[in-house]
Structures are given as C-alpha cells and as structure tokens.
Amino acid sequence: MQSLKDIGQEVINKKLEITKQFNELLEEGYVKRLKASHSDLDAVNEWRSKLIGFLGEAIIERNPESVEEKVAEWAKVTGEGAVESQLPLDKALKTISVYRSLTWKVIKEYLKSHSVDPMELIGVSDIIDPILDNAASIFSASYVKDHKRSLDLAKEAIQELSVPVIALTKDVAILPLIGELDTYRSKVLIEKSLQKCSELKVNTLIIDMSGVAIIDTMVGHEIFQVVKALNLIGVKAILTGLRPEIAQSVVQLGVSFANIQVMSNLQAVISQMSKENSI
C-alpha cells in the first residue's frame, strides 16, 4: 500500500506534464492574452511547475507550512507579473482552480494503479487546499496594491487640478480656491502654489477664497504657511473673498492672519492694482 510520500513524489514527477495541460483548461481569452504578451511559453510552464512541485513537497512532508515561504514568494512574483500584463483579477484567480484540478487529476490517475489508505488520501486535501488558498490571497494582494497606487495617482492628479494658479499679467497670478480645504489639500496647496509662482515668475499671488465654505484651525494655519512660504520666494500674497461666516470662524478659532493683506473681494483687488498700475 502506497503512502502520501509516494503520492507527493508522483505529483513532483509529473509537474511539467501537468503544466503543459494548463492552457487546455484556461479560457480562450486568457490564452490569447498570454500569446499577445509574447511570453516564452516554456518559461511560463517552468514557472507554473514550481507551484505544482511545492504541492508535491508539502504532500511528502504532510505539512502545508513546510513550503509556505516558497509559495508566498511564488505568488507575490506571479501576482505582480499578472498585474503588469493587465490580466483581469477574475481571470487570474481562475488559474488557481486549474492548479487544483490538474493536481487532483494526476493523483486520480495514480490511484488507478496504486492502492492508498483512504484515511491517508483524505489528508491530501488538507494539504493542497491551504497552500492554494494562501497563494490566491497573496496573488490578490498584488492587485489590491496596484489599485491603491492607481487611486493615489488619481487623487494626486485631482489635487493638482484643485490648485489652478492662473497668470493675470506677467507679474500677477490668481489662485481661486473652491470646495473644502482639508489638511492634505492644504499641503498640496503650499507645494503647488510655490512651484507655479516660481514657474510663472510672478511677484503677487491673489488667493481668492470666495469658493471656500468651511475652514478650521489647522487649515487656517496651513494658509498662513502658504503666505509665509510665498514671501520667502519674493511673492506677495493677497487674501480675498473671505465669507462673513468664514471670517467669524477664523476669529473664533484664534487663527491669526496678521501681516497678511486681506481684501473684501477680487474686484477690489483688481481695482486697487489698476490704480497702482500693477495690473
């Protein structure tokens, strides 16, 4: 009567044979995408066979944890490769079921000519399933990481658009702020306003806050830091458009705009600058 060690060795012996059957069980779209990526099919099969080999090793050891680190590394690299190839997650995860099916196919063929204790055989599932489930989890983590990166890039792009420094003349620019100002956006505001003013070579920046409905102590402090940073690069900042309720909140919160020029609205700023011939 054969043991789990013999079954595990059979899986290892047939690992390349197993992976050659892989494409037969995959969806046509997956196979076409693989070919379109100009991947070396032999190299792909060799890489796939590693996981089959790990399954065989774990069966021999009767312990899925014996190959845990190797499977984790395999799944991480495979997941990153699938993301890079833009393979949809649902298609990628279906490959895990193929590994399971093909491994059991070899075991079933082996059982046709070899006798194995039924209790031993039951233990095979307890070894294979945790390994493949863990591989799928790590595999999916690559997609989650990539999705987060994409969201962060999109957020950054949106935040950049939310700091539209527009040149009015060669010396004067305006920054119209609209919507809610949080701490993150305020920090972006400092970075981008400095960058834009430097690029435009202006000496005055009008910060129009008529589109801002809410301001807190932290954001008020950040705005003060913007003005201070602009002064350091030789740009005078003028705040305009503070709504009455915002002005009241600023006072109540104890936010100091000392030494910062504040005007009622954009029209007043432009009118004054016209008189001074600075616009």
Protein backbone atom coordinates (compact mmCIF):
# COMPACT_ATOMS: atom_id res chain seq x y z
CA MET A 1 0.00 0.00 0.00
CA GLN A 2 1.34 3.40 -1.02
CA SER A 3 1.78 6.41 1.29
CA LEU A 4 1.41 10.16 0.96
CA LYS A 5 5.13 10.31 0.27
CA ASP A 6 4.59 8.27 -2.90
CA ILE A 7 1.68 10.46 -3.99
CA GLY A 8 3.72 13.60 -3.39
CA GLN A 9 6.62 12.23 -5.41
CA GLU A 10 4.26 11.37 -8.26
CA VAL A 11 2.98 14.97 -8.30
CA ILE A 12 6.58 16.24 -8.46
CA ASN A 13 7.49 13.78 -11.22
CA LYS A 14 4.52 14.89 -13.31
CA LYS A 15 4.77 18.64 -12.65
CA LEU A 16 5.94 19.59 -16.17
CA GLU A 17 3.39 17.28 -17.72
CA ILE A 18 0.70 18.94 -15.61
CA THR A 19 1.62 22.48 -16.64
CA LYS A 20 1.63 21.55 -20.35
CA GLN A 21 -2.08 20.79 -19.97
CA PHE A 22 -2.66 24.20 -18.40
CA ASN A 23 -3.77 26.12 -21.50
CA GLU A 24 -6.32 23.42 -22.36
CA LEU A 25 -8.26 24.24 -19.22
CA LEU A 26 -7.95 28.02 -19.41
CA GLU A 27 -10.37 30.34 -21.16
CA GLU A 28 -9.55 31.23 -24.75
CA GLY A 29 -9.24 34.94 -23.86
CA TYR A 30 -6.60 34.20 -21.23
CA VAL A 31 -4.54 32.14 -23.68
CA LYS A 32 -4.76 34.85 -26.36
CA ARG A 33 -3.63 37.49 -23.86
CA LEU A 34 -0.68 35.29 -22.87
CA LYS A 35 0.38 34.88 -26.50
CA ALA A 36 -0.09 38.58 -27.21
CA SER A 37 2.33 39.40 -24.40
CA HIS A 38 4.99 37.44 -26.33
CA SER A 39 5.74 35.38 -23.24
CA ASP A 40 8.07 32.39 -23.59
CA LEU A 41 5.61 29.52 -23.14
CA ASP A 42 8.30 27.10 -21.99
CA ALA A 43 9.44 29.59 -19.35
CA VAL A 44 5.82 30.12 -18.27
CA ASN A 45 5.30 26.36 -17.96
CA GLU A 46 8.53 26.03 -15.98
CA TRP A 47 7.36 28.77 -13.60
CA ARG A 48 3.94 27.18 -13.21
CA SER A 49 5.54 23.82 -12.49
CA LYS A 50 7.21 25.30 -9.42
CA LEU A 51 3.87 25.59 -7.63
CA ILE A 52 2.98 22.01 -8.56
CA GLY A 53 6.36 20.97 -7.19
CA PHE A 54 5.65 22.81 -3.93
CA LEU A 55 2.36 20.94 -3.62
CA GLY A 56 4.21 17.64 -4.05
CA GLU A 57 6.79 18.61 -1.44
CA ALA A 58 4.08 19.53 1.05
CA ILE A 59 2.28 16.22 0.47
CA ILE A 60 5.52 14.35 1.15
CA GLU A 61 6.09 16.35 4.34
CA ARG A 62 2.39 16.06 5.27
CA ASN A 63 2.51 19.75 6.15
CA PRO A 64 1.43 22.76 4.03
CA GLU A 65 3.55 25.06 6.20
CA SER A 66 6.72 23.32 5.00
CA VAL A 67 6.52 25.23 1.70
CA GLU A 68 4.78 28.36 2.99
CA GLU A 69 7.65 30.79 2.33
CA LYS A 70 8.37 29.44 -1.15
CA VAL A 71 4.71 29.58 -2.13
CA ALA A 72 4.40 33.12 -0.76
CA GLU A 73 7.33 34.32 -2.88
CA TRP A 74 5.99 32.49 -5.94
CA ALA A 75 2.52 34.01 -5.52
CA LYS A 76 3.95 37.51 -4.99
CA VAL A 77 6.06 37.40 -8.17
CA THR A 78 3.23 35.80 -10.16
CA GLY A 79 0.71 38.37 -8.96
CA GLU A 80 3.00 41.27 -9.85
CA GLY A 81 3.54 39.77 -13.30
CA ALA A 82 -0.22 39.37 -13.83
CA VAL A 83 -0.79 43.00 -12.85
CA GLU A 84 1.95 44.15 -15.21
CA SER A 85 0.35 42.12 -18.02
CA GLN A 86 -3.00 43.77 -17.18
CA LEU A 87 -4.65 40.40 -16.68
CA PRO A 88 -8.07 40.87 -15.00
CA LEU A 89 -8.14 39.61 -11.42
CA ASP A 90 -11.08 37.24 -12.00
CA LYS A 91 -9.24 35.58 -14.90
CA ALA A 92 -6.04 35.35 -12.91
CA LEU A 93 -7.74 33.74 -9.91
CA LYS A 94 -9.29 31.07 -12.13
CA THR A 95 -5.79 29.72 -12.71
CA ILE A 96 -5.72 28.62 -9.05
CA SER A 97 -8.65 26.27 -9.67
CA VAL A 98 -6.74 24.91 -12.68
CA TYR A 99 -3.75 24.07 -10.47
CA ARG A 100 -6.12 22.28 -8.12
CA SER A 101 -7.87 20.34 -10.91
CA LEU A 102 -4.69 19.24 -12.65
CA THR A 103 -3.02 18.14 -9.41
CA TRP A 104 -6.00 16.01 -8.48
CA LYS A 105 -6.11 14.62 -12.00
CA VAL A 106 -2.57 13.23 -11.54
CA ILE A 107 -3.47 11.83 -8.13
CA LYS A 108 -6.58 10.11 -9.51
CA GLU A 109 -4.58 8.57 -12.34
CA TYR A 110 -2.04 7.34 -9.81
CA LEU A 111 -4.77 5.75 -7.71
CA LYS A 112 -5.95 3.67 -10.66
CA SER A 113 -2.85 1.50 -10.38
CA HIS A 114 -1.85 2.00 -6.75
CA SER A 115 -3.59 1.25 -3.51
CA VAL A 116 -3.67 4.02 -0.88
CA ASP A 117 -5.18 4.06 2.60
CA PRO A 118 -8.42 6.13 2.33
CA MET A 119 -7.57 7.98 5.53
CA GLU A 120 -4.23 8.97 4.03
CA LEU A 121 -5.97 10.22 0.91
CA ILE A 122 -8.36 12.43 2.90
CA GLY A 123 -5.34 14.24 4.29
CA VAL A 124 -4.24 15.34 0.81
CA SER A 125 -7.00 17.95 0.61
CA ASP A 126 -5.95 19.33 3.98
CA ILE A 127 -2.52 19.93 2.49
CA ILE A 128 -3.32 21.17 -1.03
CA ASP A 129 -6.23 23.48 -0.23
CA PRO A 130 -4.48 25.74 2.35
CA ILE A 131 -1.49 26.15 0.02
CA LEU A 132 -3.59 27.18 -2.98
CA ASP A 133 -5.87 29.38 -0.86
CA ASN A 134 -2.85 31.19 0.57
CA ALA A 135 -1.37 31.58 -2.92
CA ALA A 136 -4.64 33.12 -4.13
CA SER A 137 -4.67 35.55 -1.20
CA ILE A 138 -1.10 36.75 -1.80
CA PHE A 139 -1.74 36.82 -5.52
CA SER A 140 -4.76 39.09 -4.99
CA ALA A 141 -2.73 41.41 -2.74
CA SER A 142 -0.73 42.50 -5.80
CA TYR A 143 -3.95 43.71 -7.41
CA VAL A 144 -5.02 45.49 -4.24
CA LYS A 145 -1.63 47.22 -4.07
CA ASP A 146 -1.83 48.25 -7.72
CA HIS A 147 -5.40 49.50 -7.27
CA LYS A 148 -4.33 51.62 -4.30
CA ARG A 149 -1.42 53.02 -6.30
CA SER A 150 -3.79 53.95 -9.13
CA LEU A 151 -6.16 55.64 -6.69
CA ASP A 152 -3.30 57.57 -5.11
CA LEU A 153 -2.14 58.76 -8.52
CA ALA A 154 -5.68 59.80 -9.44
CA LYS A 155 -6.06 61.62 -6.12
CA GLU A 156 -2.77 63.41 -6.69
CA ALA A 157 -3.84 64.44 -10.19
CA ILE A 158 -7.16 65.77 -8.89
CA GLN A 159 -5.42 67.68 -6.11
CA GLU A 160 -3.07 69.26 -8.63
CA LEU A 161 -6.08 70.40 -10.64
CA SER A 162 -7.52 71.88 -7.46
CA VAL A 163 -4.60 74.32 -7.27
CA PRO A 164 -5.10 76.26 -10.53
CA VAL A 165 -2.63 79.18 -10.41
CA ILE A 166 -3.59 81.43 -13.35
CA ALA A 167 -1.47 84.30 -14.62
CA LEU A 168 -3.35 87.61 -14.93
CA THR A 169 -0.30 89.58 -16.05
CA LYS A 170 3.42 88.86 -16.19
CA ASP A 171 3.69 89.88 -12.52
CA VAL A 172 0.32 88.87 -11.03
CA ALA A 173 -1.41 85.49 -10.74
CA ILE A 174 -4.61 84.31 -9.07
CA LEU A 175 -5.38 81.13 -7.19
CA PRO A 176 -9.17 80.57 -6.92
CA LEU A 177 -9.93 78.06 -4.16
CA ILE A 178 -13.17 76.11 -4.37
CA GLY A 179 -14.66 73.49 -2.11
CA GLU A 180 -13.49 72.04 1.20
CA LEU A 181 -9.94 72.65 2.36
CA ASP A 182 -8.55 69.75 4.37
CA THR A 183 -5.03 69.30 5.73
CA TYR A 184 -3.87 67.17 2.80
CA ARG A 185 -5.14 69.61 0.19
CA SER A 186 -3.62 72.50 2.12
CA LYS A 187 -0.20 70.84 1.96
CA VAL A 188 -0.63 70.31 -1.78
CA LEU A 189 -1.62 73.98 -1.95
CA ILE A 190 1.70 75.06 -0.46
CA GLU A 191 3.76 72.85 -2.75
CA LYS A 192 1.94 73.61 -6.00
CA SER A 193 1.44 77.35 -5.45
CA LEU A 194 5.17 77.77 -4.79
CA GLN A 195 6.01 75.72 -7.84
CA LYS A 196 3.59 77.58 -10.14
CA CYS A 197 4.57 81.04 -8.92
CA SER A 198 8.20 80.17 -9.48
CA GLU A 199 7.45 78.88 -12.98
CA LEU A 200 5.37 81.97 -13.88
CA LYS A 201 7.90 84.34 -12.27
CA VAL A 202 5.14 86.44 -10.70
CA ASN A 203 5.64 88.70 -7.69
CA THR A 204 2.00 88.77 -6.49
CA LEU A 205 -0.47 85.94 -5.93
CA ILE A 206 -4.14 86.67 -5.23
CA ILE A 207 -5.68 83.82 -3.20
CA ASP A 208 -9.43 84.03 -3.76
CA MET A 209 -11.31 82.13 -1.04
CA SER A 210 -14.84 83.04 -2.07
CA GLY A 211 -15.49 79.39 -3.01
CA VAL A 212 -14.40 78.02 0.38
CA ALA A 213 -17.30 77.27 2.73
CA ILE A 214 -15.51 75.80 5.76
CA ILE A 215 -12.18 76.46 7.46
CA ASP A 216 -10.70 75.06 10.69
CA THR A 217 -7.68 75.94 12.83
CA MET A 218 -5.37 73.52 11.06
CA VAL A 219 -6.34 74.72 7.58
CA GLY A 220 -6.10 78.35 8.68
CA HIS A 221 -2.58 77.65 9.90
CA GLU A 222 -1.72 75.98 6.59
CA ILE A 223 -2.93 79.02 4.64
CA PHE A 224 -0.74 81.21 6.83
CA GLN A 225 2.17 78.89 5.98
CA VAL A 226 1.40 79.28 2.27
CA VAL A 227 1.63 83.05 2.57
CA LYS A 228 4.81 82.79 4.61
CA ALA A 229 6.41 80.40 2.09
CA LEU A 230 5.44 82.67 -0.81
CA ASN A 231 7.06 85.64 0.95
CA LEU A 232 10.28 83.66 1.22
CA ILE A 233 10.47 83.35 -2.57
CA GLY A 234 9.58 87.01 -3.09
CA VAL A 235 5.89 86.62 -3.84
CA LYS A 236 3.35 88.84 -2.07
CA ALA A 237 0.11 87.05 -1.23
CA ILE A 238 -3.25 88.80 -1.02
CA LEU A 239 -6.25 87.01 0.52
CA THR A 240 -9.64 87.90 -0.86
CA GLY A 241 -13.22 86.65 -0.82
CA LEU A 242 -13.40 85.57 2.83
CA ARG A 243 -17.09 84.97 3.51
CA PRO A 244 -18.54 86.58 6.67
CA GLU A 245 -19.10 83.19 8.29
CA ILE A 246 -15.52 82.17 7.43
CA ALA A 247 -14.16 85.42 8.83
CA GLN A 248 -16.16 84.85 12.02
CA SER A 249 -14.86 81.29 12.32
CA VAL A 250 -11.28 82.49 11.83
CA VAL A 251 -11.66 84.95 14.70
CA GLN A 252 -13.34 82.39 16.98
CA LEU A 253 -10.67 79.81 16.24
CA GLY A 254 -7.95 82.28 17.04
CA VAL A 255 -6.31 81.94 13.62
CA SER A 256 -4.03 84.92 13.07
CA PHE A 257 -3.72 86.49 9.63
CA ALA A 258 -1.51 89.25 10.98
CA ASN A 259 0.79 90.86 8.42
CA ILE A 260 -1.26 89.33 5.60
CA GLN A 261 -3.06 91.69 3.21
CA VAL A 262 -6.78 90.83 3.13
CA MET A 263 -9.32 92.46 0.80
CA SER A 264 -13.06 92.04 0.56
CA ASN A 265 -13.31 90.65 -2.95
CA LEU A 266 -11.45 90.08 -6.19
CA GLN A 267 -12.93 93.20 -7.79
CA ALA A 268 -11.49 95.36 -5.00
CA VAL A 269 -8.04 93.85 -5.52
CA ILE A 270 -8.09 94.39 -9.27
CA SER A 271 -9.39 97.93 -8.83
CA GLN A 272 -6.58 98.81 -6.42
CA MET A 273 -3.95 97.24 -8.63
CA SER A 274 -5.27 99.14 -11.62
CA LYS A 275 -4.83 102.39 -9.70
CA GLU A 276 -1.30 101.36 -8.82
CA ASN A 277 -0.68 100.35 -12.43
CA SER A 278 0.39 96.87 -11.28
CA ILE A 279 -2.26 95.14 -13.37
